[in-house]
Protein backbone atom coordinates (compact mmCIF):
# COMPACT_ATOMS: atom_id res chain seq x y z
CA UNK A 1 -29.73 -14.54 1.15
CA UNK A 2 -28.26 -16.18 -2.53
CA UNK A 3 -24.67 -16.51 -1.73
CA UNK A 4 -22.24 -15.50 -4.63
CA UNK A 5 -20.56 -18.78 -4.48
CA UNK A 6 -23.47 -20.50 -6.40
CA UNK A 7 -22.75 -18.71 -9.53
CA UNK A 8 -18.91 -19.48 -9.72
CA UNK A 9 -18.68 -21.56 -12.83
CA UNK A 10 -17.20 -24.88 -12.07
CA UNK A 11 -13.77 -24.49 -14.11
CA UNK A 12 -11.45 -21.74 -16.08
CA UNK A 13 -8.68 -21.96 -18.26
CA UNK A 14 -6.67 -19.26 -15.96
CA UNK A 15 -7.71 -18.84 -12.26
CA UNK A 16 -5.93 -15.39 -11.03
CA UNK A 17 -5.70 -15.32 -7.00
CA UNK A 18 -5.87 -11.77 -5.99
CA UNK A 19 -7.63 -8.71 -7.37
CA UNK A 20 -4.79 -6.30 -6.52
CA UNK A 21 -2.53 -4.14 -9.40
CA UNK A 22 0.01 -7.11 -10.15
CA UNK A 23 -3.18 -9.09 -10.89
CA UNK A 24 -4.58 -5.90 -12.67
CA UNK A 25 -1.27 -5.36 -14.92
CA UNK A 26 -1.26 -9.14 -15.81
CA UNK A 27 -4.92 -9.15 -17.08
CA UNK A 28 -3.85 -6.19 -18.52
CA UNK A 29 -0.98 -7.14 -20.64
CA UNK A 30 -2.92 -10.36 -21.63
CA UNK A 31 -5.78 -8.76 -23.21
CA UNK A 32 -3.33 -6.07 -24.99
CA UNK A 33 -1.56 -9.23 -26.02
CA UNK A 34 -4.57 -11.46 -26.87
CA UNK A 35 -8.40 -10.37 -26.54
CA UNK A 36 -9.38 -13.66 -27.81
CA UNK A 37 -8.52 -14.89 -24.06
CA UNK A 38 -11.02 -12.46 -22.50
CA UNK A 39 -13.18 -15.31 -22.22
CA UNK A 40 -10.33 -17.96 -20.60
CA UNK A 41 -9.69 -16.54 -16.98
CA UNK A 42 -11.47 -15.59 -13.60
CA UNK A 43 -9.96 -13.25 -10.83
CA UNK A 44 -10.79 -14.26 -7.42
CA UNK A 45 -10.61 -12.16 -5.00
CA UNK A 46 -12.30 -12.14 -1.25
CA UNK A 47 -13.81 -8.72 -2.05
CA UNK A 48 -15.13 -8.60 -5.08
CA UNK A 49 -13.58 -5.94 -6.56
CA UNK A 50 -10.75 -4.48 -7.92
CA UNK A 51 -7.71 -3.03 -5.89
CA UNK A 52 -9.66 -3.30 -2.33
CA UNK A 53 -7.08 -3.99 -0.44
CA UNK A 54 -5.00 -1.42 -2.21
CA UNK A 55 -7.15 1.58 -1.73
CA UNK A 56 -8.13 0.24 1.66
CA UNK A 57 -4.11 0.55 2.94
CA UNK A 58 -3.80 3.59 1.37
CA UNK A 59 -6.68 5.79 2.75
CA UNK A 60 -6.01 3.92 6.12
CA UNK A 61 -2.74 5.53 6.03
CA UNK A 62 -3.66 8.59 4.57
CA UNK A 63 -0.75 8.27 1.63
CA UNK A 64 -1.03 11.71 -0.42
CA UNK A 65 1.03 9.88 -3.24
CA UNK A 66 3.08 6.86 -4.61
CA UNK A 67 6.98 6.26 -4.03
CA UNK A 68 6.88 5.26 -8.24
CA UNK A 69 6.95 7.59 -11.02
CA UNK A 70 4.11 8.19 -13.04
CA UNK A 71 5.72 5.51 -15.81
CA UNK A 72 4.60 2.72 -13.42
CA UNK A 73 1.13 1.50 -13.58
CA UNK A 74 -0.72 -1.67 -14.52
CA UNK A 75 -1.02 -0.18 -17.94
CA UNK A 76 0.93 -2.25 -21.01
CA UNK A 77 1.26 1.84 -22.38
CA UNK A 78 3.73 3.02 -20.18
CA UNK A 79 2.76 6.76 -21.15
CA UNK A 80 -1.27 6.44 -20.44
CA UNK A 81 -0.99 7.26 -16.57
CA UNK A 82 1.06 10.81 -18.20
CA UNK A 83 -1.55 11.29 -20.94
CA UNK A 84 -4.94 10.55 -17.86
CA UNK A 85 -3.21 13.37 -15.68
CA UNK A 86 -3.33 15.52 -18.72
CA UNK A 87 -5.52 18.30 -16.76
CA UNK A 88 -4.79 16.97 -13.22
CA UNK A 89 -0.85 17.84 -13.21
CA UNK A 90 -1.21 19.59 -9.81
CA UNK A 91 -1.57 15.30 -9.14
CA UNK A 92 1.50 14.57 -10.20
CA UNK A 93 4.04 15.65 -7.02
CA UNK A 94 7.91 16.45 -7.38
CA UNK A 95 10.57 15.05 -7.60
CA UNK A 96 9.77 12.92 -10.26
CA UNK A 97 6.15 12.92 -10.98
CA UNK A 98 4.76 10.59 -8.14
CA UNK A 99 0.67 9.91 -8.98
CA UNK A 100 -1.78 11.33 -6.61
CA UNK A 101 -3.57 8.54 -4.50
CA UNK A 102 -6.68 9.55 -5.86
CA UNK A 103 -5.04 9.89 -9.34
CA UNK A 104 -3.80 6.94 -9.85
CA UNK A 105 -7.17 4.82 -8.41
CA UNK A 106 -9.09 7.10 -10.87
CA UNK A 107 -6.55 6.00 -13.39
CA UNK A 108 -7.10 1.83 -12.44
CA UNK A 109 -10.53 2.26 -12.31
CA UNK A 110 -10.97 4.05 -16.21
CA UNK A 111 -8.72 0.78 -17.45
CA UNK A 112 -10.94 -1.50 -15.69
CA UNK A 113 -13.74 0.26 -17.08
CA UNK A 114 -12.43 0.11 -20.71
CA UNK A 115 -11.18 -3.58 -20.90
CA UNK A 116 -14.43 -4.19 -18.87
CA UNK A 117 -12.86 -6.19 -16.04
CA UNK A 118 -15.39 -5.17 -13.53
CA UNK A 119 -17.41 -8.45 -13.96
CA UNK A 120 -14.30 -10.67 -13.97
CA UNK A 121 -13.42 -10.30 -10.14
CA UNK A 122 -15.62 -13.06 -7.96
CA UNK A 123 -15.80 -12.70 -4.62
CA UNK A 124 -14.35 -16.04 -3.16
CA UNK A 125 -11.28 -17.00 -0.53
CA UNK A 126 -9.16 -19.56 -2.18
CA UNK A 127 -8.38 -21.52 1.14
CA UNK A 128 -6.61 -24.59 -0.75
CA UNK A 129 -4.50 -25.01 -4.33
CA UNK A 130 -4.87 -29.12 -5.08
CA UNK A 131 -2.96 -30.38 -7.38
CA UNK A 132 -4.85 -32.99 -9.33
CA UNK A 133 -3.46 -35.38 -11.83
CA UNK A 134 -5.51 -37.23 -14.22
CA UNK A 135 -3.99 -39.72 -17.14
CA UNK A 136 -0.34 -37.46 -17.07
CA UNK A 137 -2.04 -34.18 -17.80
CA UNK A 138 -2.50 -32.03 -14.55
CA UNK A 139 -5.14 -29.37 -13.18
CA UNK A 140 -5.98 -27.46 -9.81
CA UNK A 141 -8.92 -27.65 -7.98
CA UNK A 142 -9.30 -24.22 -6.33
CA UNK A 143 -11.29 -25.19 -2.76
CA UNK A 144 -12.68 -21.94 -1.50
CA UNK A 145 -15.83 -21.46 1.25
CA UNK A 146 -18.49 -23.89 1.98
CA UNK A 147 -17.13 -26.49 0.30
CA UNK A 148 -17.39 -24.78 -3.20
CA UNK A 149 -14.59 -25.23 -5.86
CA UNK A 150 -13.29 -24.74 -8.91
CA UNK A 151 -11.18 -26.42 -11.39
CA UNK A 152 -8.55 -24.81 -13.37
CA UNK A 153 -5.68 -25.49 -15.81
CA UNK A 154 -3.47 -22.82 -14.98
CA UNK A 155 -3.60 -20.57 -11.51
CA UNK A 156 -1.65 -17.35 -11.46
CA UNK A 157 -0.83 -16.41 -7.73
CA UNK A 158 -0.80 -12.47 -7.17
CA UNK A 159 -1.52 -11.71 -3.72
CA UNK A 160 0.88 -10.38 -1.53
CA UNK A 161 2.12 -12.61 0.10
CA UNK A 162 3.74 -11.80 3.37
CA UNK A 163 3.05 -12.89 6.84
CA UNK A 164 2.86 -10.40 9.88
CA UNK A 165 6.62 -9.79 10.82
CA UNK A 166 6.42 -9.13 14.85
CA UNK A 167 9.30 -8.80 16.86
CA UNK A 168 10.58 -11.48 19.24
CA UNK A 169 9.62 -9.17 21.97
CA UNK A 170 5.94 -8.99 21.59
CA UNK A 171 5.92 -13.12 22.35
CA UNK A 172 7.05 -12.74 25.80
CA UNK A 173 4.76 -9.93 26.78
CA UNK A 174 3.01 -11.22 30.07
CA UNK A 175 -0.77 -11.64 29.24
CA UNK A 176 -3.17 -9.95 29.95
CA UNK A 177 -3.01 -6.57 27.71
CA UNK A 178 -5.63 -5.17 25.52
CA UNK A 179 -4.99 -5.71 22.02
CA UNK A 180 -6.01 -2.75 20.60
CA UNK A 181 -3.10 -1.03 22.44
CA UNK A 182 -0.34 -3.22 20.34
CA UNK A 183 -0.80 -2.90 16.59
CA UNK A 184 0.75 -4.38 13.28
CA UNK A 185 0.70 -1.16 11.15
CA UNK A 186 -1.60 -3.07 8.57
CA UNK A 187 -3.82 -3.03 11.10
CA UNK A 188 -4.06 1.04 12.13
CA UNK A 189 -6.99 2.81 10.61
CA UNK A 190 -5.61 6.13 11.38
CA UNK A 191 -8.92 7.82 10.24
CA UNK A 192 -10.94 6.22 13.23
CA UNK A 193 -8.72 6.93 15.86
CA UNK A 194 -8.77 10.49 18.24
CA UNK A 195 -5.05 10.28 19.49
CA UNK A 196 -4.67 13.86 21.57
CA UNK A 197 -2.74 13.40 24.16
CA UNK A 198 -1.94 10.06 23.40
CA UNK A 199 1.74 8.92 23.23
CA UNK A 200 3.00 7.14 20.20
CA UNK A 201 6.11 4.42 20.32
CA UNK A 202 6.22 3.27 16.28
CA UNK A 203 8.56 0.84 15.85
CA UNK A 204 10.30 0.85 12.56
CA UNK A 205 12.29 3.08 9.92
CA UNK A 206 10.17 2.78 6.88
CA UNK A 207 8.47 5.34 4.80
CA UNK A 208 4.92 3.26 6.60
CA UNK A 209 6.22 4.17 9.70
CA UNK A 210 6.39 7.74 8.94
CA UNK A 211 3.04 8.17 7.45
CA UNK A 212 1.54 6.43 10.93
CA UNK A 213 4.09 9.14 12.41
CA UNK A 214 2.70 12.29 10.68
CA UNK A 215 -1.00 10.78 10.71
CA UNK A 216 -0.63 10.31 14.31
CA UNK A 217 1.35 14.11 15.07
CA UNK A 218 -1.58 15.37 13.06
CA UNK A 219 -4.34 14.23 15.34
CA UNK A 220 -2.02 15.87 18.35
CA UNK A 221 -0.58 12.57 19.46
CA UNK A 222 3.28 12.47 20.70
CA UNK A 223 5.30 10.23 18.81
CA UNK A 224 8.17 8.24 19.39
CA UNK A 225 9.80 6.59 16.71
CA UNK A 226 12.69 4.01 17.18
CA UNK A 227 14.75 2.14 14.61
CA UNK A 228 17.40 0.16 14.75
CA UNK A 229 19.77 1.47 12.60
CA UNK A 230 19.77 5.14 11.41
CA UNK A 231 17.27 6.19 9.52
CA UNK A 232 17.74 5.95 5.83
CA UNK A 233 17.23 8.50 2.95
CA UNK A 234 16.22 7.22 -0.70
CA UNK A 235 14.00 8.47 -3.30
CA UNK A 236 12.94 4.93 -3.96
CA UNK A 237 12.94 1.16 -2.66
CA UNK A 238 15.62 0.36 -4.78
CA UNK A 239 18.04 2.04 -7.15
CA UNK A 240 16.59 2.98 -10.63
CA UNK A 241 19.24 0.66 -11.95
CA UNK A 242 17.23 -2.40 -10.97
CA UNK A 243 14.69 -1.41 -13.60
CA UNK A 244 16.74 -2.17 -16.48
CA UNK A 245 19.78 -3.83 -17.90
CA UNK A 246 22.14 -1.49 -15.35
CA UNK A 247 21.41 -4.32 -12.71
CA UNK A 248 19.53 -6.82 -13.80
CA UNK A 249 21.61 -8.13 -16.32
CA UNK A 250 24.42 -9.33 -13.39
CA UNK A 251 21.73 -10.14 -11.27
CA UNK A 252 20.09 -12.47 -14.44
CA UNK A 253 23.29 -13.78 -15.18
CA UNK A 254 23.95 -14.86 -11.78
CA UNK A 255 23.55 -18.91 -11.31
CA UNK A 256 23.32 -18.89 -7.78
CA UNK A 257 20.25 -18.37 -6.43
CA UNK A 258 21.53 -18.16 -2.83
CA UNK A 259 23.64 -15.20 -4.11
CA UNK A 260 20.76 -13.17 -5.51
CA UNK A 261 19.13 -13.18 -2.27
CA UNK A 262 21.67 -11.60 -0.90
CA UNK A 263 21.81 -9.17 -3.81
CA UNK A 264 17.86 -8.84 -3.02
CA UNK A 265 18.64 -7.66 0.82
CA UNK A 266 21.93 -5.46 -0.34
CA UNK A 267 19.34 -3.56 -3.06
CA UNK A 268 16.09 -2.97 -0.79
CA UNK A 269 18.41 -2.72 2.50
CA UNK A 270 15.57 -2.23 4.94
CA UNK A 271 13.29 0.03 5.26
CA UNK A 272 13.76 4.01 4.08
CA UNK A 273 12.20 7.45 3.98
CA UNK A 274 12.02 9.70 0.72
CA UNK A 275 13.14 12.75 1.20
CA UNK A 276 10.34 14.62 1.47
CA UNK A 277 9.13 12.52 4.45
CA UNK A 278 12.22 13.02 6.05
CA UNK A 279 12.44 17.15 6.05
CA UNK A 280 9.05 16.29 7.70
CA UNK A 281 9.92 14.56 10.38
CA UNK A 282 12.51 16.29 10.94
CA UNK A 283 9.98 19.39 11.10
CA UNK A 284 8.29 17.76 14.00
CA UNK A 285 11.24 16.66 15.22
CA UNK A 286 12.57 20.33 15.66
CA UNK A 287 9.23 21.14 17.01
CA UNK A 288 9.66 18.70 19.62
CA UNK A 289 6.69 16.48 19.12
CA UNK A 290 8.84 13.79 17.76
CA UNK A 291 11.70 12.35 19.37
CA UNK A 292 13.56 9.81 17.13
CA UNK A 293 15.45 7.04 18.77
CA UNK A 294 17.84 5.28 16.73
CA UNK A 295 20.46 2.49 17.11
CA UNK A 296 17.68 1.92 19.58
CA UNK A 297 15.12 -2.16 19.94
CA UNK A 298 13.24 -2.68 22.54
CA UNK A 299 14.06 -5.98 24.76
CA UNK A 300 10.77 -6.43 26.62
CA UNK A 301 7.32 -4.66 26.94
CA UNK A 302 5.09 -5.28 29.37
CA UNK A 303 1.55 -3.15 30.32
CA UNK A 304 1.23 -1.47 33.79
CA UNK A 305 -0.71 1.13 35.49
CA UNK A 306 -2.80 1.76 32.12
CA UNK A 307 0.73 2.36 30.20
CA UNK A 308 2.92 0.18 28.28
CA UNK A 309 6.36 0.14 29.63
CA UNK A 310 9.70 -0.37 27.60
CA UNK A 311 12.95 -1.35 28.25
CA UNK A 312 15.50 -0.80 25.61
CA UNK A 313 18.84 -2.45 24.70
CA UNK A 314 20.82 0.81 25.33
CA UNK A 315 19.18 0.17 29.12
CA UNK A 316 16.60 3.44 28.30
CA UNK A 317 13.51 2.67 29.85
CA UNK A 318 10.11 4.46 28.23
CA UNK A 319 6.86 4.57 28.61
CA UNK A 320 3.43 4.96 26.06
CA UNK A 321 -0.06 4.66 25.01
CA UNK A 322 0.02 3.09 22.15
CA UNK A 323 2.44 0.48 20.21
CA UNK A 324 2.46 0.85 16.99
CA UNK A 325 4.73 -1.63 14.93
CA UNK A 326 5.59 -0.67 11.06
CA UNK A 327 7.83 -3.75 10.67
CA UNK A 328 6.96 -5.08 7.58
CA UNK A 329 5.87 -8.53 6.34
CA UNK A 330 7.92 -11.43 5.69
CA UNK A 331 7.56 -13.88 2.62
CA UNK A 332 7.86 -17.42 3.18
CA UNK A 333 6.04 -19.98 0.76
CA UNK A 334 7.33 -22.44 3.56
CA UNK A 335 5.18 -21.13 6.25
CA UNK A 336 2.08 -20.12 3.86
CA UNK A 337 -0.85 -22.58 3.89
CA UNK A 338 -1.92 -22.45 -0.18
CA UNK A 339 1.38 -23.88 -1.01
CA UNK A 340 1.24 -27.00 1.69
CA UNK A 341 -0.19 -28.89 -1.17
CA UNK A 342 1.79 -27.55 -4.13
CA UNK A 343 5.23 -28.26 -2.24
CA UNK A 344 4.28 -32.03 -1.46
CA UNK A 345 3.43 -32.85 -5.25
CA UNK A 346 5.79 -30.54 -7.02
CA UNK A 347 8.75 -30.50 -4.63
CA UNK A 348 11.09 -27.23 -5.26
CA UNK A 349 14.18 -25.50 -3.74
CA UNK A 350 13.91 -22.71 -1.52
CA UNK A 351 15.96 -19.79 -0.93
CA UNK A 352 14.70 -18.10 2.84
CA UNK A 353 11.48 -19.04 1.72
CA UNK A 354 11.57 -17.66 -1.77
CA UNK A 355 11.38 -20.54 -4.85
CA UNK A 356 13.23 -21.18 -7.06
CA UNK A 357 11.27 -20.44 -10.39
CA UNK A 358 11.45 -20.84 -14.45
CA UNK A 359 12.04 -18.42 -16.60
CA UNK A 360 7.96 -18.07 -17.07
CA UNK A 361 7.98 -17.36 -13.10
CA UNK A 362 6.28 -21.01 -13.11
CA UNK A 363 6.43 -23.62 -10.39
CA UNK A 364 8.91 -26.37 -12.04
CA UNK A 365 6.71 -28.82 -13.46
CA UNK A 366 3.38 -27.32 -13.39
CA UNK A 367 1.03 -24.72 -14.49
CA UNK A 368 1.76 -22.49 -11.47
CA UNK A 369 2.63 -18.51 -12.32
CA UNK A 370 3.67 -16.28 -9.42
CA UNK A 371 3.97 -12.64 -9.32
CA UNK A 372 5.06 -10.06 -6.56
CA UNK A 373 7.79 -10.45 -3.56
CA UNK A 374 7.46 -14.42 -4.02
CA UNK A 375 8.67 -14.10 -7.38
CA UNK A 376 12.29 -12.03 -6.58
CA UNK A 377 14.76 -14.60 -7.49
CA UNK A 378 13.58 -13.83 -10.70
CA UNK A 379 12.45 -10.69 -11.37
CA UNK A 380 14.93 -9.00 -8.86
CA UNK A 381 14.44 -6.30 -5.78
CA UNK A 382 11.85 -4.62 -7.23
CA UNK A 383 9.33 -7.98 -7.67
CA UNK A 384 6.79 -6.54 -4.71
CA UNK A 385 6.55 -3.05 -6.45
CA UNK A 386 4.73 -1.59 -9.18
CA UNK A 387 7.51 -2.31 -12.10
CA UNK A 388 7.96 -5.46 -10.84
CA UNK A 389 4.31 -6.29 -11.93
CA UNK A 390 5.02 -5.34 -15.44
CA UNK A 391 8.45 -7.37 -15.59
CA UNK A 392 6.37 -10.37 -13.95
CA UNK A 393 3.87 -9.87 -16.54
CA UNK A 394 6.46 -9.63 -19.56
CA UNK A 395 7.65 -13.46 -18.72
CA UNK A 396 4.02 -14.88 -17.55
CA UNK A 397 1.84 -13.26 -20.55
CA UNK A 398 3.78 -14.93 -23.46
CA UNK A 399 3.41 -19.09 -21.55
CA UNK A 400 -0.32 -17.80 -21.21
CA UNK A 401 -0.72 -16.25 -24.47
CA UNK A 402 1.22 -19.24 -26.41
CA UNK A 403 0.62 -23.01 -26.32
CA UNK A 404 3.78 -23.61 -27.65
CA UNK A 405 5.27 -22.43 -24.39
CA UNK A 406 2.62 -24.56 -22.25
CA UNK A 407 3.92 -27.06 -20.01
CA UNK A 408 4.21 -30.39 -22.41
CA UNK A 409 2.48 -33.09 -20.21
């Protein structure tokens, strides 16, 4: 069969790695600023299509709507999604017109079609980013599968950038045990599961664990929800003040990146449930289908008699059929293979795994730009959200569009 990699170009001016909402936001802002750059970039993603992973994750967890209000989306015009929803107002959910999942997906597809971006995504998994310096001019060689590669003058990393975060006790579970009975939330697809009569223990207090609980309960499971502290109720991941100067002014004025990292942790403050999700969970709790264990942590687990035997810090013991870990992802550039050669060629200050970037979210000394959570020390606590994608685009686009802002090499 003809490999799609065989038809890849040898080089490009701008390579964007990842084809999720952040990459789409960047491309829309870039073309709004300078349409002549249409042929200067390529988007590389294993799926070969826009937003594949986003669609997959929302569908797998049966998430009905976004957590961000209608003004947050990839289009540079903040009112574009509200206009698009003019005849679909029932797909904007209270309290702040949160876009339904299908509405948001359709809107993004409309944006892709309007800018004719479908063909800009190439099916390619970037396995290595090799810095190349030739006569004091540097560029990148992106290594793909089967020995193929692409040269690029500038690279934007728009990947989630997180590795699955797994509690310490998981590594201590005696083998063997059935691997499908212990899953991270990103490996669960509710649509394929028969759960009637099963007992499921979900670890984690964020919105993902809420979606998993509601999905499992709808399939007739009994659910135990375990959180390290009290369940936190918040409308958004971080206070709305982090979307504008109210809090960002002080954040930007803070010269100490360690202090900035601490501000991010305080603002996000671990996982939280929306008021609507909390109401749904409390209702199931009253119906005795859901048990919530707060201030509770697992110390050990083992598979015995076809069930999980769980021991907790407070001395409590539990039994269940499935263990689901809604414990999030950990951002750490130091442990990510893609950064290995970049770190070697361009050593950089790191704060708890996050790189210190310049004002255009550029890795110091080279033409590599970062979006998402890895740009948190510059963008702030909402870096990984849709609003963070816009903030990152506002910083990166001028550097990509104006030759005067390119690095002098």
